[in-house]
Amino acid sequence: MDLTNKSASELRDLQEQIKRELKKRETQDLQKAREQILAIAQSVGVPLKDLLGAPGNRGKGGTVAAQFRNPADPSQQWTGRGRQPKWVKEWLEAGKAIDGLRI
């Protein structure tokens, strides 16, 4: 396709048509993949809910139980993941063991 003779407006229109077609094909590909996965799961007798909740299939958004609690303010808790809260740092800087905060 020779694009050198197209006007800027025609090129923008073509670009929009391409975007719409790509979106349509991506949607079709996604639906086809879902159907194939479902067919495979059904062929081996695995319920879809088991497939999605399989061990090792951890996604973001799950909650983690708190492991540490501030004795001065029990509403302040920390899971032990990520950055240490200020109250944990202060506790440790005072020379106290982290196990003193463990729930």
PDB file of N, CA and C in Angstrom:
ATOM      1  N   MET A   1       0.850  -1.173   0.000  1.00  0.00           N
ATOM      2  CA  MET A   1       0.000   0.000   0.000  1.00  0.00           C
ATOM      3  C   MET A   1       0.896   1.237   0.000  1.00  0.00           C
ATOM      4  N   ASP A   2       0.727   2.079  -0.981  1.00  0.00           N
ATOM      5  CA  ASP A   2       1.511   3.301  -1.099  1.00  0.00           C
ATOM      6  C   ASP A   2       0.816   4.402  -0.314  1.00  0.00           C
ATOM      7  N   LEU A   3       1.476   4.908   0.734  1.00  0.00           N
ATOM      8  CA  LEU A   3       0.885   5.932   1.590  1.00  0.00           C
ATOM      9  C   LEU A   3       1.369   7.329   1.235  1.00  0.00           C
ATOM     10  N   THR A   4       2.304   7.440   0.322  1.00  0.00           N
ATOM     11  CA  THR A   4       2.897   8.739   0.015  1.00  0.00           C
ATOM     12  C   THR A   4       1.903   9.705  -0.619  1.00  0.00           C
ATOM     13  N   ASN A   5       0.873   9.214  -1.282  1.00  0.00           N
ATOM     14  CA  ASN A   5      -0.097  10.080  -1.949  1.00  0.00           C
ATOM     15  C   ASN A   5      -1.310  10.387  -1.082  1.00  0.00           C
ATOM     16  N   LYS A   6      -1.327   9.878   0.145  1.00  0.00           N
ATOM     17  CA  LYS A   6      -2.467  10.106   1.041  1.00  0.00           C
ATOM     18  C   LYS A   6      -2.299  11.434   1.771  1.00  0.00           C
ATOM     19  N   SER A   7      -3.414  12.107   2.015  1.00  0.00           N
ATOM     20  CA  SER A   7      -3.385  13.345   2.797  1.00  0.00           C
ATOM     21  C   SER A   7      -3.278  12.991   4.276  1.00  0.00           C
ATOM     22  N   ALA A   8      -2.961  13.994   5.088  1.00  0.00           N
ATOM     23  CA  ALA A   8      -2.837  13.776   6.534  1.00  0.00           C
ATOM     24  C   ALA A   8      -4.172  13.295   7.106  1.00  0.00           C
ATOM     25  N   SER A   9      -5.252  13.839   6.606  1.00  0.00           N
ATOM     26  CA  SER A   9      -6.580  13.430   7.076  1.00  0.00           C
ATOM     27  C   SER A   9      -6.861  11.970   6.727  1.00  0.00           C
ATOM     28  N   GLU A  10      -6.522  11.587   5.524  1.00  0.00           N
ATOM     29  CA  GLU A  10      -6.719  10.195   5.110  1.00  0.00           C
ATOM     30  C   GLU A  10      -5.857   9.245   5.938  1.00  0.00           C
ATOM     31  N   LEU A  11      -4.638   9.672   6.239  1.00  0.00           N
ATOM     32  CA  LEU A  11      -3.749   8.839   7.053  1.00  0.00           C
ATOM     33  C   LEU A  11      -4.298   8.681   8.473  1.00  0.00           C
ATOM     34  N   ARG A  12      -4.852   9.771   9.049  1.00  0.00           N
ATOM     35  CA  ARG A  12      -5.449   9.686  10.381  1.00  0.00           C
ATOM     36  C   ARG A  12      -6.658   8.757  10.375  1.00  0.00           C
ATOM     37  N   ASP A  13      -7.467   8.849   9.328  1.00  0.00           N
ATOM     38  CA  ASP A  13      -8.621   7.944   9.203  1.00  0.00           C
ATOM     39  C   ASP A  13      -8.163   6.490   9.121  1.00  0.00           C
ATOM     40  N   LEU A  14      -7.136   6.267   8.346  1.00  0.00           N
ATOM     41  CA  LEU A  14      -6.584   4.913   8.208  1.00  0.00           C
ATOM     42  C   LEU A  14      -6.039   4.421   9.551  1.00  0.00           C
ATOM     43  N   GLN A  15      -5.397   5.319  10.268  1.00  0.00           N
ATOM     44  CA  GLN A  15      -4.861   4.961  11.585  1.00  0.00           C
ATOM     45  C   GLN A  15      -5.995   4.549  12.533  1.00  0.00           C
ATOM     46  N   GLU A  16      -7.095   5.270  12.520  1.00  0.00           N
ATOM     47  CA  GLU A  16      -8.239   4.934  13.371  1.00  0.00           C
ATOM     48  C   GLU A  16      -8.850   3.595  12.961  1.00  0.00           C
ATOM     49  N   GLN A  17      -8.926   3.349  11.660  1.00  0.00           N
ATOM     50  CA  GLN A  17      -9.447   2.059  11.188  1.00  0.00           C
ATOM     51  C   GLN A  17      -8.555   0.918  11.665  1.00  0.00           C
ATOM     52  N   ILE A  18      -7.249   1.143  11.627  1.00  0.00           N
ATOM     53  CA  ILE A  18      -6.296   0.116  12.073  1.00  0.00           C
ATOM     54  C   ILE A  18      -6.476  -0.129  13.564  1.00  0.00           C
ATOM     55  N   LYS A  19      -6.607   0.939  14.352  1.00  0.00           N
ATOM     56  CA  LYS A  19      -6.798   0.782  15.799  1.00  0.00           C
ATOM     57  C   LYS A  19      -8.055  -0.027  16.098  1.00  0.00           C
ATOM     58  N   ARG A  20      -9.146   0.287  15.404  1.00  0.00           N
ATOM     59  CA  ARG A  20     -10.405  -0.450  15.621  1.00  0.00           C
ATOM     60  C   ARG A  20     -10.253  -1.918  15.239  1.00  0.00           C
ATOM     61  N   GLU A  21      -9.592  -2.179  14.126  1.00  0.00           N
ATOM     62  CA  GLU A  21      -9.413  -3.557  13.674  1.00  0.00           C
ATOM     63  C   GLU A  21      -8.519  -4.333  14.642  1.00  0.00           C
ATOM     64  N   LEU A  22      -7.452  -3.704  15.131  1.00  0.00           N
ATOM     65  CA  LEU A  22      -6.583  -4.368  16.104  1.00  0.00           C
ATOM     66  C   LEU A  22      -7.340  -4.701  17.379  1.00  0.00           C
ATOM     67  N   LYS A  23      -8.138  -3.761  17.851  1.00  0.00           N
ATOM     68  CA  LYS A  23      -8.922  -3.989  19.070  1.00  0.00           C
ATOM     69  C   LYS A  23      -9.889  -5.161  18.859  1.00  0.00           C
ATOM     70  N   LYS A  24     -10.536  -5.187  17.692  1.00  0.00           N
ATOM     71  CA  LYS A  24     -11.477  -6.269  17.373  1.00  0.00           C
ATOM     72  C   LYS A  24     -10.761  -7.617  17.352  1.00  0.00           C
ATOM     73  N   ARG A  25      -9.605  -7.666  16.730  1.00  0.00           N
ATOM     74  CA  ARG A  25      -8.864  -8.932  16.633  1.00  0.00           C
ATOM     75  C   ARG A  25      -8.326  -9.372  17.997  1.00  0.00           C
ATOM     76  N   GLU A  26      -7.872  -8.425  18.815  1.00  0.00           N
ATOM     77  CA  GLU A  26      -7.398  -8.773  20.156  1.00  0.00           C
ATOM     78  C   GLU A  26      -8.538  -9.371  20.987  1.00  0.00           C
ATOM     79  N   THR A  27      -9.720  -8.798  20.857  1.00  0.00           N
ATOM     80  CA  THR A  27     -10.885  -9.307  21.572  1.00  0.00           C
ATOM     81  C   THR A  27     -11.219 -10.720  21.096  1.00  0.00           C
ATOM     82  N   GLN A  28     -11.166 -10.929  19.791  1.00  0.00           N
ATOM     83  CA  GLN A  28     -11.435 -12.255  19.237  1.00  0.00           C
ATOM     84  C   GLN A  28     -10.393 -13.265  19.704  1.00  0.00           C
ATOM     85  N   ASP A  29      -9.124 -12.876  19.702  1.00  0.00           N
ATOM     86  CA  ASP A  29      -8.054 -13.777  20.147  1.00  0.00           C
ATOM     87  C   ASP A  29      -8.217 -14.144  21.616  1.00  0.00           C
ATOM     88  N   LEU A  30      -8.592 -13.167  22.422  1.00  0.00           N
ATOM     89  CA  LEU A  30      -8.800 -13.419  23.841  1.00  0.00           C
ATOM     90  C   LEU A  30      -9.958 -14.389  24.061  1.00  0.00           C
ATOM     91  N   GLN A  31     -11.035 -14.191  23.345  1.00  0.00           N
ATOM     92  CA  GLN A  31     -12.188 -15.091  23.462  1.00  0.00           C
ATOM     93  C   GLN A  31     -11.823 -16.503  23.012  1.00  0.00           C
ATOM     94  N   LYS A  32     -11.069 -16.606  21.941  1.00  0.00           N
ATOM     95  CA  LYS A  32     -10.646 -17.918  21.445  1.00  0.00           C
ATOM     96  C   LYS A  32      -9.766 -18.621  22.474  1.00  0.00           C
ATOM     97  N   ALA A  33      -8.854 -17.874  23.090  1.00  0.00           N
ATOM     98  CA  ALA A  33      -7.976 -18.452  24.111  1.00  0.00           C
ATOM     99  C   ALA A  33      -8.785 -18.933  25.300  1.00  0.00           C
ATOM    100  N   ARG A  34      -9.771 -18.156  25.721  1.00  0.00           N
ATOM    101  CA  ARG A  34     -10.629 -18.571  26.840  1.00  0.00           C
ATOM    102  C   ARG A  34     -11.366 -19.858  26.512  1.00  0.00           C
ATOM    103  N   GLU A  35     -11.887 -19.933  25.310  1.00  0.00           N
ATOM    104  CA  GLU A  35     -12.617 -21.133  24.893  1.00  0.00           C
ATOM    105  C   GLU A  35     -11.703 -22.355  24.873  1.00  0.00           C
ATOM    106  N   GLN A  36     -10.470 -22.177  24.406  1.00  0.00           N
ATOM    107  CA  GLN A  36      -9.520 -23.283  24.365  1.00  0.00           C
ATOM    108  C   GLN A  36      -9.152 -23.747  25.770  1.00  0.00           C
ATOM    109  N   ILE A  37      -8.926 -22.808  26.664  1.00  0.00           N
ATOM    110  CA  ILE A  37      -8.589 -23.158  28.044  1.00  0.00           C
ATOM    111  C   ILE A  37      -9.741 -23.901  28.702  1.00  0.00           C
ATOM    112  N   LEU A  38     -10.949 -23.417  28.508  1.00  0.00           N
ATOM    113  CA  LEU A  38     -12.127 -24.070  29.074  1.00  0.00           C
ATOM    114  C   LEU A  38     -12.291 -25.476  28.503  1.00  0.00           C
ATOM    115  N   ALA A  39     -12.069 -25.632  27.203  1.00  0.00           N
ATOM    116  CA  ALA A  39     -12.191 -26.950  26.575  1.00  0.00           C
ATOM    117  C   ALA A  39     -11.154 -27.919  27.134  1.00  0.00           C
ATOM    118  N   ILE A  40      -9.941 -27.452  27.328  1.00  0.00           N
ATOM    119  CA  ILE A  40      -8.898 -28.313  27.896  1.00  0.00           C
ATOM    120  C   ILE A  40      -9.270 -28.723  29.316  1.00  0.00           C
ATOM    121  N   ALA A  41      -9.712 -27.762  30.122  1.00  0.00           N
ATOM    122  CA  ALA A  41     -10.090 -28.062  31.505  1.00  0.00           C
ATOM    123  C   ALA A  41     -11.234 -29.074  31.537  1.00  0.00           C
ATOM    124  N   GLN A  42     -12.214 -28.900  30.680  1.00  0.00           N
ATOM    125  CA  GLN A  42     -13.345 -29.824  30.643  1.00  0.00           C
ATOM    126  C   GLN A  42     -12.917 -31.199  30.153  1.00  0.00           C
ATOM    127  N   SER A  43     -11.974 -31.247  29.220  1.00  0.00           N
ATOM    128  CA  SER A  43     -11.560 -32.537  28.666  1.00  0.00           C
ATOM    129  C   SER A  43     -10.814 -33.395  29.689  1.00  0.00           C
ATOM    130  N   VAL A  44     -10.183 -32.763  30.661  1.00  0.00           N
ATOM    131  CA  VAL A  44      -9.480 -33.524  31.694  1.00  0.00           C
ATOM    132  C   VAL A  44     -10.266 -33.577  32.998  1.00  0.00           C
ATOM    133  N   GLY A  45     -11.469 -33.006  32.986  1.00  0.00           N
ATOM    134  CA  GLY A  45     -12.345 -33.079  34.148  1.00  0.00           C
ATOM    135  C   GLY A  45     -11.984 -32.148  35.284  1.00  0.00           C
ATOM    136  N   VAL A  46     -11.322 -31.048  34.973  1.00  0.00           N
ATOM    137  CA  VAL A  46     -10.967 -30.082  36.005  1.00  0.00           C
ATOM    138  C   VAL A  46     -11.988 -28.950  35.992  1.00  0.00           C
ATOM    139  N   PRO A  47     -12.674 -28.736  37.116  1.00  0.00           N
ATOM    140  CA  PRO A  47     -13.610 -27.607  37.173  1.00  0.00           C
ATOM    141  C   PRO A  47     -12.856 -26.286  37.016  1.00  0.00           C
ATOM    142  N   LEU A  48     -13.471 -25.351  36.349  1.00  0.00           N
ATOM    143  CA  LEU A  48     -12.829 -24.073  36.090  1.00  0.00           C
ATOM    144  C   LEU A  48     -12.447 -23.369  37.383  1.00  0.00           C
ATOM    145  N   LYS A  49     -13.273 -23.472  38.416  1.00  0.00           N
ATOM    146  CA  LYS A  49     -12.946 -22.805  39.681  1.00  0.00           C
ATOM    147  C   LYS A  49     -11.668 -23.389  40.291  1.00  0.00           C
ATOM    148  N   ASP A  50     -11.443 -24.693  40.119  1.00  0.00           N
ATOM    149  CA  ASP A  50     -10.209 -25.300  40.607  1.00  0.00           C
ATOM    150  C   ASP A  50      -9.017 -24.846  39.787  1.00  0.00           C
ATOM    151  N   LEU A  51      -9.229 -24.688  38.503  1.00  0.00           N
ATOM    152  CA  LEU A  51      -8.161 -24.239  37.622  1.00  0.00           C
ATOM    153  C   LEU A  51      -7.717 -22.829  37.999  1.00  0.00           C
ATOM    154  N   LEU A  52      -8.656 -21.964  38.264  1.00  0.00           N
ATOM    155  CA  LEU A  52      -8.333 -20.584  38.586  1.00  0.00           C
ATOM    156  C   LEU A  52      -7.775 -20.436  39.991  1.00  0.00           C
ATOM    157  N   GLY A  53      -8.138 -21.339  40.894  1.00  0.00           N
ATOM    158  CA  GLY A  53      -7.667 -21.250  42.261  1.00  0.00           C
ATOM    159  C   GLY A  53      -6.533 -22.203  42.552  1.00  0.00           C
ATOM    160  N   ALA A  54      -5.817 -22.618  41.529  1.00  0.00           N
ATOM    161  CA  ALA A  54      -4.742 -23.608  41.693  1.00  0.00           C
ATOM    162  C   ALA A  54      -3.610 -23.049  42.542  1.00  0.00           C
ATOM    163  N   PRO A  55      -2.945 -23.929  43.317  1.00  0.00           N
ATOM    164  CA  PRO A  55      -1.778 -23.480  44.082  1.00  0.00           C
ATOM    165  C   PRO A  55      -0.732 -22.880  43.151  1.00  0.00           C
ATOM    166  N   GLY A  56      -0.100 -21.827  43.624  1.00  0.00           N
ATOM    167  CA  GLY A  56       0.910 -21.159  42.814  1.00  0.00           C
ATOM    168  C   GLY A  56       0.308 -20.102  41.905  1.00  0.00           C
ATOM    169  N   ASN A  57      -1.008 -20.012  41.886  1.00  0.00           N
ATOM    170  CA  ASN A  57      -1.681 -19.019  41.055  1.00  0.00           C
ATOM    171  C   ASN A  57      -2.093 -17.861  41.943  1.00  0.00           C
ATOM    172  N   ARG A  58      -1.106 -17.224  42.540  1.00  0.00           N
ATOM    173  CA  ARG A  58      -1.390 -16.148  43.469  1.00  0.00           C
ATOM    174  C   ARG A  58      -1.361 -14.818  42.739  1.00  0.00           C
ATOM    175  N   GLY A  59      -2.389 -14.064  42.926  1.00  0.00           N
ATOM    176  CA  GLY A  59      -2.440 -12.750  42.320  1.00  0.00           C
ATOM    177  C   GLY A  59      -2.337 -11.691  43.390  1.00  0.00           C
ATOM    178  N   LYS A  60      -2.248 -10.473  42.985  1.00  0.00           N
ATOM    179  CA  LYS A  60      -2.197  -9.382  43.936  1.00  0.00           C
ATOM    180  C   LYS A  60      -3.589  -9.160  44.507  1.00  0.00           C
ATOM    181  N   GLY A  61      -3.634  -8.526  45.603  1.00  0.00           N
ATOM    182  CA  GLY A  61      -4.916  -8.175  46.178  1.00  0.00           C
ATOM    183  C   GLY A  61      -5.303  -9.025  47.363  1.00  0.00           C
ATOM    184  N   GLY A  62      -4.587 -10.104  47.620  1.00  0.00           N
ATOM    185  CA  GLY A  62      -4.886 -10.918  48.781  1.00  0.00           C
ATOM    186  C   GLY A  62      -4.422 -10.221  50.046  1.00  0.00           C
ATOM    187  N   THR A  63      -5.030 -10.571  51.168  1.00  0.00           N
ATOM    188  CA  THR A  63      -4.619  -9.963  52.418  1.00  0.00           C
ATOM    189  C   THR A  63      -3.645 -10.880  53.143  1.00  0.00           C
ATOM    190  N   VAL A  64      -2.754 -10.265  53.884  1.00  0.00           N
ATOM    191  CA  VAL A  64      -1.759 -10.987  54.656  1.00  0.00           C
ATOM    192  C   VAL A  64      -2.000 -10.643  56.117  1.00  0.00           C
ATOM    193  N   ALA A  65      -1.982 -11.635  56.968  1.00  0.00           N
ATOM    194  CA  ALA A  65      -2.221 -11.403  58.392  1.00  0.00           C
ATOM    195  C   ALA A  65      -1.086 -10.594  58.995  1.00  0.00           C
ATOM    196  N   ALA A  66      -1.448  -9.714  59.904  1.00  0.00           N
ATOM    197  CA  ALA A  66      -0.453  -8.919  60.610  1.00  0.00           C
ATOM    198  C   ALA A  66       0.388  -9.835  61.493  1.00  0.00           C
ATOM    199  N   GLN A  67       1.669  -9.583  61.551  1.00  0.00           N
ATOM    200  CA  GLN A  67       2.587 -10.373  62.372  1.00  0.00           C
ATOM    201  C   GLN A  67       3.067  -9.595  63.598  1.00  0.00           C
ATOM    202  N   PHE A  68       2.983  -8.254  63.519  1.00  0.00           N
ATOM    203  CA  PHE A  68       3.511  -7.404  64.582  1.00  0.00           C
ATOM    204  C   PHE A  68       2.489  -6.344  64.961  1.00  0.00           C
ATOM    205  N   ARG A  69       2.483  -5.984  66.255  1.00  0.00           N
ATOM    206  CA  ARG A  69       1.545  -4.975  66.757  1.00  0.00           C
ATOM    207  C   ARG A  69       2.306  -4.015  67.660  1.00  0.00           C
ATOM    208  N   ASN A  70       1.964  -2.739  67.550  1.00  0.00           N
ATOM    209  CA  ASN A  70       2.568  -1.710  68.385  1.00  0.00           C
ATOM    210  C   ASN A  70       1.959  -1.803  69.779  1.00  0.00           C
ATOM    211  N   PRO A  71       2.764  -2.087  70.816  1.00  0.00           N
ATOM    212  CA  PRO A  71       2.194  -2.205  72.160  1.00  0.00           C
ATOM    213  C   PRO A  71       1.632  -0.888  72.687  1.00  0.00           C
ATOM    214  N   ALA A  72       2.152   0.232  72.203  1.00  0.00           N
ATOM    215  CA  ALA A  72       1.652   1.531  72.639  1.00  0.00           C
ATOM    216  C   ALA A  72       0.343   1.896  71.953  1.00  0.00           C
ATOM    217  N   ASP A  73       0.097   1.355  70.769  1.00  0.00           N
ATOM    218  CA  ASP A  73      -1.135   1.626  70.015  1.00  0.00           C
ATOM    219  C   ASP A  73      -1.512   0.366  69.246  1.00  0.00           C
ATOM    220  N   PRO A  74      -2.324  -0.505  69.851  1.00  0.00           N
ATOM    221  CA  PRO A  74      -2.659  -1.782  69.227  1.00  0.00           C
ATOM    222  C   PRO A  74      -3.337  -1.677  67.856  1.00  0.00           C
ATOM    223  N   SER A  75      -3.827  -0.495  67.501  1.00  0.00           N
ATOM    224  CA  SER A  75      -4.433  -0.348  66.175  1.00  0.00           C
ATOM    225  C   SER A  75      -3.368  -0.333  65.073  1.00  0.00           C
ATOM    226  N   GLN A  76      -2.105  -0.102  65.463  1.00  0.00           N
ATOM    227  CA  GLN A  76      -1.013  -0.096  64.490  1.00  0.00           C
ATOM    228  C   GLN A  76      -0.442  -1.501  64.383  1.00  0.00           C
ATOM    229  N   GLN A  77      -0.571  -2.068  63.197  1.00  0.00           N
ATOM    230  CA  GLN A  77      -0.075  -3.418  62.954  1.00  0.00           C
ATOM    231  C   GLN A  77       0.758  -3.418  61.689  1.00  0.00           C
ATOM    232  N   TRP A  78       1.595  -4.450  61.578  1.00  0.00           N
ATOM    233  CA  TRP A  78       2.461  -4.577  60.406  1.00  0.00           C
ATOM    234  C   TRP A  78       2.554  -6.043  60.040  1.00  0.00           C
ATOM    235  N   THR A  79       2.516  -6.340  58.752  1.00  0.00           N
ATOM    236  CA  THR A  79       2.565  -7.723  58.275  1.00  0.00           C
ATOM    237  C   THR A  79       3.979  -8.290  58.281  1.00  0.00           C
ATOM    238  N   GLY A  80       4.962  -7.421  58.351  1.00  0.00           N
ATOM    239  CA  GLY A  80       6.346  -7.873  58.250  1.00  0.00           C
ATOM    240  C   GLY A  80       6.856  -7.777  56.831  1.00  0.00           C
ATOM    241  N   ARG A  81       6.013  -7.314  55.946  1.00  0.00           N
ATOM    242  CA  ARG A  81       6.388  -7.141  54.541  1.00  0.00           C
ATOM    243  C   ARG A  81       6.512  -5.661  54.230  1.00  0.00           C
ATOM    244  N   GLY A  82       7.371  -5.359  53.290  1.00  0.00           N
ATOM    245  CA  GLY A  82       7.535  -3.968  52.880  1.00  0.00           C
ATOM    246  C   GLY A  82       8.366  -3.191  53.889  1.00  0.00           C
ATOM    247  N   ARG A  83       8.289  -1.886  53.774  1.00  0.00           N
ATOM    248  CA  ARG A  83       9.073  -1.025  54.658  1.00  0.00           C
ATOM    249  C   ARG A  83       8.572  -1.117  56.082  1.00  0.00           C
ATOM    250  N   GLN A  84       9.505  -1.024  57.005  1.00  0.00           N
ATOM    251  CA  GLN A  84       9.132  -1.054  58.411  1.00  0.00           C
ATOM    252  C   GLN A  84       8.461   0.263  58.782  1.00  0.00           C
ATOM    253  N   PRO A  85       7.362   0.195  59.513  1.00  0.00           N
ATOM    254  CA  PRO A  85       6.738   1.432  59.994  1.00  0.00           C
ATOM    255  C   PRO A  85       7.675   2.134  60.985  1.00  0.00           C
ATOM    256  N   LYS A  86       7.421   3.399  61.189  1.00  0.00           N
ATOM    257  CA  LYS A  86       8.257   4.210  62.079  1.00  0.00           C
ATOM    258  C   LYS A  86       8.308   3.612  63.482  1.00  0.00           C
ATOM    259  N   TRP A  87       7.157   3.146  63.970  1.00  0.00           N
ATOM    260  CA  TRP A  87       7.125   2.604  65.328  1.00  0.00           C
ATOM    261  C   TRP A  87       7.970   1.332  65.457  1.00  0.00           C
ATOM    262  N   VAL A  88       8.107   0.546  64.389  1.00  0.00           N
ATOM    263  CA  VAL A  88       8.964  -0.641  64.410  1.00  0.00           C
ATOM    264  C   VAL A  88      10.430  -0.206  64.427  1.00  0.00           C
ATOM    265  N   LYS A  89      10.773   0.758  63.597  1.00  0.00           N
ATOM    266  CA  LYS A  89      12.153   1.260  63.555  1.00  0.00           C
ATOM    267  C   LYS A  89      12.560   1.819  64.915  1.00  0.00           C
ATOM    268  N   GLU A  90      11.664   2.593  65.518  1.00  0.00           N
ATOM    269  CA  GLU A  90      11.971   3.171  66.830  1.00  0.00           C
ATOM    270  C   GLU A  90      12.172   2.070  67.868  1.00  0.00           C
ATOM    271  N   TRP A  91      11.358   1.034  67.812  1.00  0.00           N
ATOM    272  CA  TRP A  91      11.463  -0.099  68.732  1.00  0.00           C
ATOM    273  C   TRP A  91      12.834  -0.761  68.606  1.00  0.00           C
ATOM    274  N   LEU A  92      13.231  -1.011  67.357  1.00  0.00           N
ATOM    275  CA  LEU A  92      14.505  -1.677  67.100  1.00  0.00           C
ATOM    276  C   LEU A  92      15.692  -0.776  67.458  1.00  0.00           C
ATOM    277  N   GLU A  93      15.581   0.519  67.184  1.00  0.00           N
ATOM    278  CA  GLU A  93      16.652   1.467  67.518  1.00  0.00           C
ATOM    279  C   GLU A  93      16.846   1.587  69.025  1.00  0.00           C
ATOM    280  N   ALA A  94      15.794   1.307  69.791  1.00  0.00           N
ATOM    281  CA  ALA A  94      15.888   1.332  71.249  1.00  0.00           C
ATOM    282  C   ALA A  94      16.565   0.072  71.776  1.00  0.00           C
ATOM    283  N   GLY A  95      16.982  -0.811  70.866  1.00  0.00           N
ATOM    284  CA  GLY A  95      17.698  -2.022  71.258  1.00  0.00           C
ATOM    285  C   GLY A  95      16.801  -3.178  71.633  1.00  0.00           C
ATOM    286  N   LYS A  96      15.532  -3.068  71.327  1.00  0.00           N
ATOM    287  CA  LYS A  96      14.595  -4.141  71.666  1.00  0.00           C
ATOM    288  C   LYS A  96      14.485  -5.120  70.499  1.00  0.00           C
ATOM    289  N   ALA A  97      14.179  -6.356  70.834  1.00  0.00           N
ATOM    290  CA  ALA A  97      14.059  -7.398  69.808  1.00  0.00           C
ATOM    291  C   ALA A  97      12.699  -7.302  69.131  1.00  0.00           C
ATOM    292  N   ILE A  98      12.672  -7.599  67.836  1.00  0.00           N
ATOM    293  CA  ILE A  98      11.428  -7.547  67.075  1.00  0.00           C
ATOM    294  C   ILE A  98      10.400  -8.541  67.607  1.00  0.00           C
ATOM    295  N   ASP A  99      10.870  -9.610  68.239  1.00  0.00           N
ATOM    296  CA  ASP A  99       9.944 -10.588  68.781  1.00  0.00           C
ATOM    297  C   ASP A  99       9.043  -9.994  69.866  1.00  0.00           C
ATOM    298  N   GLY A 100       9.459  -8.897  70.446  1.00  0.00           N
ATOM    299  CA  GLY A 100       8.618  -8.220  71.439  1.00  0.00           C
ATOM    300  C   GLY A 100       7.376  -7.606  70.842  1.00  0.00           C
ATOM    301  N   LEU A 101       7.349  -7.463  69.521  1.00  0.00           N
ATOM    302  CA  LEU A 101       6.181  -6.907  68.830  1.00  0.00           C
ATOM    303  C   LEU A 101       5.310  -7.977  68.195  1.00  0.00           C
ATOM    304  N   ARG A 102       5.823  -9.195  68.177  1.00  0.00           N
ATOM    305  CA  ARG A 102       5.115 -10.268  67.479  1.00  0.00           C
ATOM    306  C   ARG A 102       3.761 -10.535  68.121  1.00  0.00           C
ATOM    307  N   ILE A 103       2.772 -10.745  67.264  1.00  0.00           N
ATOM    308  CA  ILE A 103       1.403 -11.023  67.746  1.00  0.00           C
ATOM    309  C   ILE A 103       1.313 -12.458  68.181  1.00  0.00           C
TER     310      ILE A 103
END
